[in-house]
Amino acid sequence: MGKYREGMTLQYVLCTSIEDTPQVNPIIGRIDRKSGHGAGRPTKKMIDEVADRYSFMANILGASWTE
């Protein structure tokens, strides 16, 4: 619950801190509840994280998928 609240607070502060030009872009947050305390991450988790980043950027930029 703490990370959700932290993200909402961050977005609120960014959107209200500058009166003339408020921040209106979305913020990405990634919470992985099944991760351990190990030193490294499995390759699948790394691939999933990169895929999420590219999906987020594509959504923000309005990119479309072509085959």
Protein backbone atom coordinates (compact mmCIF):
# COMPACT_ATOMS: atom_id res chain seq x y z
CA MET A 1 0.00 0.00 0.00
CA GLY A 2 2.89 2.36 0.71
CA LYS A 3 4.18 2.43 -2.87
CA TYR A 4 0.72 3.22 -4.23
CA ARG A 5 0.40 6.12 -1.82
CA GLU A 6 3.91 7.28 -2.67
CA GLY A 7 3.11 7.27 -6.39
CA MET A 8 -0.14 9.14 -5.90
CA THR A 9 1.61 11.74 -3.74
CA LEU A 10 4.36 12.15 -6.34
CA GLN A 11 1.83 12.69 -9.11
CA TYR A 12 -0.16 15.17 -6.99
CA VAL A 13 2.94 17.19 -6.11
CA LEU A 14 4.15 17.27 -9.71
CA CYS A 15 0.72 18.29 -11.03
CA THR A 16 0.22 21.11 -8.53
CA SER A 17 3.76 22.42 -8.01
CA ILE A 18 4.02 24.61 -11.11
CA GLU A 19 1.08 26.94 -11.54
CA ASP A 20 1.66 28.03 -15.14
CA THR A 21 2.61 24.67 -16.64
CA PRO A 22 1.50 21.73 -14.48
CA GLN A 23 2.86 18.29 -15.20
CA VAL A 24 0.12 16.38 -17.06
CA ASN A 25 2.04 13.32 -18.25
CA PRO A 26 1.36 9.98 -16.58
CA ILE A 27 3.87 8.38 -14.23
CA ILE A 28 4.81 4.71 -14.50
CA GLY A 29 5.19 2.69 -11.34
CA ARG A 30 6.12 -0.98 -11.13
CA ILE A 31 5.40 -3.02 -8.02
CA ASP A 32 6.46 -6.66 -7.98
CA ARG A 33 4.99 -8.44 -4.99
CA LYS A 34 6.62 -11.79 -5.72
CA SER A 35 10.24 -10.68 -5.82
CA GLY A 36 12.69 -11.91 -3.25
CA HIS A 37 15.69 -10.39 -1.55
CA GLY A 38 18.23 -12.06 -3.81
CA ALA A 39 21.11 -10.27 -5.49
CA GLY A 40 19.92 -10.80 -9.07
CA ARG A 41 16.70 -10.95 -11.01
CA PRO A 42 15.71 -13.79 -13.31
CA THR A 43 15.92 -13.07 -17.02
CA LYS A 44 12.12 -13.34 -17.37
CA LYS A 45 11.59 -10.54 -14.83
CA MET A 46 14.11 -8.34 -16.64
CA ILE A 47 12.37 -8.98 -19.99
CA ASP A 48 8.96 -8.24 -18.45
CA GLU A 49 10.24 -4.94 -17.04
CA VAL A 50 11.69 -3.83 -20.38
CA ALA A 51 8.48 -4.84 -22.17
CA ASP A 52 6.47 -2.75 -19.69
CA ARG A 53 8.71 0.27 -20.33
CA TYR A 54 8.34 -0.01 -24.11
CA SER A 55 4.59 -0.53 -23.83
CA PHE A 56 4.30 2.55 -21.62
CA MET A 57 6.34 4.66 -24.05
CA ALA A 58 4.37 3.40 -27.04
CA ASN A 59 1.10 4.23 -25.29
CA ILE A 60 2.26 7.73 -24.36
CA LEU A 61 3.55 8.43 -27.88
CA GLY A 62 0.44 7.00 -29.51
CA ALA A 63 2.48 4.46 -31.47
CA SER A 64 0.64 1.70 -33.27
CA TRP A 65 1.68 -1.90 -33.84
CA THR A 66 2.42 -3.01 -37.39
CA GLU A 67 3.40 -6.47 -38.52
